Amino acid sequence: MLLLQVVCALANGKPIVTPQYWDNYITALSTKQPFPDCKDYVPPLAESTLNVNDVSFDINENRKKLFVGKLFVFSSSQQYNIYSCMVTAAGNAVIISVIIYSLFS
């Protein structure tokens, strides 16, 4: 579930930050100091197969248009419920939920 939340946040242009950011945010709030900069709390990329020069958690507004003009067809309402937030966040793509019935039932 965490992966889906990260992907939805990236597609929506929301910053991905470490838990330390929130600790410092609360401290800044209670002491009336400036809020911490999200860019200082970006977690390291944990996936070793990804190239850190090509992939990042930085905000990239182009992600909002990634799926523009694409059609996604889900074979179950469960798939639709799980993945629709990612697809719509990345371009408001048309999403159709289809239930496929067996010809032999």
C-alpha atoms as a PDB file:
ATOM      1  CA  MET A   1       0.000   0.000   0.000  1.00  0.00           C
ATOM      2  CA  LEU A   2       2.887   2.373   0.706  1.00  0.00           C
ATOM      3  CA  LEU A   3       4.097   2.051  -2.892  1.00  0.00           C
ATOM      4  CA  LEU A   4       0.676   3.139  -4.175  1.00  0.00           C
ATOM      5  CA  GLN A   5       0.679   6.149  -1.865  1.00  0.00           C
ATOM      6  CA  VAL A   6       4.150   7.155  -3.052  1.00  0.00           C
ATOM      7  CA  VAL A   7       3.189   6.804  -6.709  1.00  0.00           C
ATOM      8  CA  CYS A   8      -0.002   8.826  -6.191  1.00  0.00           C
ATOM      9  CA  ALA A   9       1.937  11.544  -4.364  1.00  0.00           C
ATOM     10  CA  LEU A  10       4.547  11.688  -7.132  1.00  0.00           C
ATOM     11  CA  ALA A  11       1.852  11.895  -9.808  1.00  0.00           C
ATOM     12  CA  ASN A  12       0.068  14.668  -7.884  1.00  0.00           C
ATOM     13  CA  GLY A  13       3.257  16.691  -7.485  1.00  0.00           C
ATOM     14  CA  LYS A  14       3.390  16.227  -3.717  1.00  0.00           C
ATOM     15  CA  PRO A  15       6.764  16.060  -1.985  1.00  0.00           C
ATOM     16  CA  ILE A  16       8.055  12.766  -0.625  1.00  0.00           C
ATOM     17  CA  VAL A  17       9.815  13.365   2.703  1.00  0.00           C
ATOM     18  CA  THR A  18      11.359  11.385   5.543  1.00  0.00           C
ATOM     19  CA  PRO A  19       9.675  11.103   8.965  1.00  0.00           C
ATOM     20  CA  GLN A  20      12.300  13.532  10.300  1.00  0.00           C
ATOM     21  CA  TYR A  21      10.635  16.258   8.222  1.00  0.00           C
ATOM     22  CA  TRP A  22       7.433  15.874  10.222  1.00  0.00           C
ATOM     23  CA  ASP A  23       9.286  15.975  13.526  1.00  0.00           C
ATOM     24  CA  ASN A  24      10.955  19.214  12.480  1.00  0.00           C
ATOM     25  CA  TYR A  25       7.688  20.549  11.070  1.00  0.00           C
ATOM     26  CA  ILE A  26       5.940  20.054  14.425  1.00  0.00           C
ATOM     27  CA  THR A  27       8.859  21.663  16.240  1.00  0.00           C
ATOM     28  CA  ALA A  28       8.776  24.651  13.872  1.00  0.00           C
ATOM     29  CA  LEU A  29       5.021  24.942  14.319  1.00  0.00           C
ATOM     30  CA  SER A  30       5.192  24.918  18.105  1.00  0.00           C
ATOM     31  CA  THR A  31       8.136  27.356  18.255  1.00  0.00           C
ATOM     32  CA  LYS A  32       6.771  29.623  15.498  1.00  0.00           C
ATOM     33  CA  GLN A  33       9.881  29.109  13.377  1.00  0.00           C
ATOM     34  CA  PRO A  34       9.925  28.816   9.567  1.00  0.00           C
ATOM     35  CA  PHE A  35       8.861  25.421   8.292  1.00  0.00           C
ATOM     36  CA  PRO A  36      11.599  23.088   7.074  1.00  0.00           C
ATOM     37  CA  ASP A  37      12.274  22.833   3.353  1.00  0.00           C
ATOM     38  CA  CYS A  38      10.923  19.584   1.881  1.00  0.00           C
ATOM     39  CA  LYS A  39      13.948  19.343  -0.408  1.00  0.00           C
ATOM     40  CA  ASP A  40      16.177  18.797   2.622  1.00  0.00           C
ATOM     41  CA  TYR A  41      14.218  15.682   3.652  1.00  0.00           C
ATOM     42  CA  VAL A  42      13.951  13.628   0.466  1.00  0.00           C
ATOM     43  CA  PRO A  43      14.578   9.957   1.283  1.00  0.00           C
ATOM     44  CA  PRO A  44      17.326   8.093  -0.546  1.00  0.00           C
ATOM     45  CA  LEU A  45      16.256   5.793  -3.345  1.00  0.00           C
ATOM     46  CA  ALA A  46      16.136   2.308  -1.822  1.00  0.00           C
ATOM     47  CA  GLU A  47      15.744   0.344  -5.048  1.00  0.00           C
ATOM     48  CA  SER A  48      19.262  -0.642  -6.085  1.00  0.00           C
ATOM     49  CA  THR A  49      18.297  -1.484  -9.678  1.00  0.00           C
ATOM     50  CA  LEU A  50      17.280   2.119 -10.410  1.00  0.00           C
ATOM     51  CA  ASN A  51      19.790   4.694 -11.539  1.00  0.00           C
ATOM     52  CA  VAL A  52      19.729   7.634  -9.101  1.00  0.00           C
ATOM     53  CA  ASN A  53      20.702   9.925 -11.987  1.00  0.00           C
ATOM     54  CA  ASP A  54      17.514   9.001 -13.872  1.00  0.00           C
ATOM     55  CA  VAL A  55      15.004   8.500 -11.044  1.00  0.00           C
ATOM     56  CA  SER A  56      14.169  10.795  -8.160  1.00  0.00           C
ATOM     57  CA  PHE A  57      11.509  11.727  -5.654  1.00  0.00           C
ATOM     58  CA  ASP A  58      11.728  15.373  -6.731  1.00  0.00           C
ATOM     59  CA  ILE A  59       8.514  17.078  -7.776  1.00  0.00           C
ATOM     60  CA  ASN A  60       8.104  16.771 -11.529  1.00  0.00           C
ATOM     61  CA  GLU A  61       5.020  18.442 -12.984  1.00  0.00           C
ATOM     62  CA  ASN A  62       5.327  16.300 -16.149  1.00  0.00           C
ATOM     63  CA  ARG A  63       4.147  13.299 -14.135  1.00  0.00           C
ATOM     64  CA  LYS A  64       0.675  14.860 -14.042  1.00  0.00           C
ATOM     65  CA  LYS A  65       0.462  14.321 -17.816  1.00  0.00           C
ATOM     66  CA  LEU A  66       2.053  10.878 -18.011  1.00  0.00           C
ATOM     67  CA  PHE A  67      -1.164   9.038 -18.909  1.00  0.00           C
ATOM     68  CA  VAL A  68      -2.943  11.731 -20.948  1.00  0.00           C
ATOM     69  CA  GLY A  69      -4.654  10.121 -23.920  1.00  0.00           C
ATOM     70  CA  LYS A  70      -4.299   6.587 -22.557  1.00  0.00           C
ATOM     71  CA  LEU A  71      -7.151   4.193 -21.865  1.00  0.00           C
ATOM     72  CA  PHE A  72      -6.963   1.866 -18.890  1.00  0.00           C
ATOM     73  CA  VAL A  73      -9.252  -1.132 -18.661  1.00  0.00           C
ATOM     74  CA  PHE A  74      -9.416  -3.022 -15.391  1.00  0.00           C
ATOM     75  CA  SER A  75     -10.827  -6.520 -15.268  1.00  0.00           C
ATOM     76  CA  SER A  76     -12.226  -6.190 -11.761  1.00  0.00           C
ATOM     77  CA  SER A  77     -13.552  -3.533  -9.453  1.00  0.00           C
ATOM     78  CA  GLN A  78     -10.779  -4.508  -7.009  1.00  0.00           C
ATOM     79  CA  GLN A  79      -8.099  -3.558  -9.569  1.00  0.00           C
ATOM     80  CA  TYR A  80      -9.996  -0.374 -10.354  1.00  0.00           C
ATOM     81  CA  ASN A  81     -10.182   0.594  -6.674  1.00  0.00           C
ATOM     82  CA  ILE A  82      -6.468  -0.060  -6.138  1.00  0.00           C
ATOM     83  CA  TYR A  83      -5.007   1.614  -9.225  1.00  0.00           C
ATOM     84  CA  SER A  84      -7.458   4.316 -10.301  1.00  0.00           C
ATOM     85  CA  CYS A  85      -5.905   7.016  -8.081  1.00  0.00           C
ATOM     86  CA  MET A  86      -2.534   6.563  -9.789  1.00  0.00           C
ATOM     87  CA  VAL A  87      -3.984   6.675 -13.278  1.00  0.00           C
ATOM     88  CA  THR A  88      -6.188   9.710 -12.710  1.00  0.00           C
ATOM     89  CA  ALA A  89      -3.404  11.579 -10.896  1.00  0.00           C
ATOM     90  CA  ALA A  90      -1.120  11.068 -13.873  1.00  0.00           C
ATOM     91  CA  GLY A  91      -3.364  12.675 -16.445  1.00  0.00           C
ATOM     92  CA  ASN A  92      -7.042  12.183 -15.744  1.00  0.00           C
ATOM     93  CA  ALA A  93      -7.038   9.273 -18.137  1.00  0.00           C
ATOM     94  CA  VAL A  94     -10.282   7.573 -19.032  1.00  0.00           C
ATOM     95  CA  ILE A  95     -10.742   4.584 -16.758  1.00  0.00           C
ATOM     96  CA  ILE A  96     -13.206   1.837 -17.502  1.00  0.00           C
ATOM     97  CA  SER A  97     -13.975  -0.880 -14.996  1.00  0.00           C
ATOM     98  CA  VAL A  98     -14.958  -4.046 -16.802  1.00  0.00           C
ATOM     99  CA  ILE A  99     -16.066  -7.325 -15.286  1.00  0.00           C
ATOM    100  CA  ILE A 100     -15.309 -10.227 -17.607  1.00  0.00           C
ATOM    101  CA  TYR A 101     -17.735 -13.137 -17.413  1.00  0.00           C
ATOM    102  CA  SER A 102     -16.764 -16.642 -18.400  1.00  0.00           C
ATOM    103  CA  LEU A 103     -18.499 -18.018 -21.465  1.00  0.00           C
ATOM    104  CA  PHE A 104     -18.746 -21.365 -19.699  1.00  0.00           C
ATOM    105  CA  SER A 105     -20.597 -20.301 -16.555  1.00  0.00           C
END
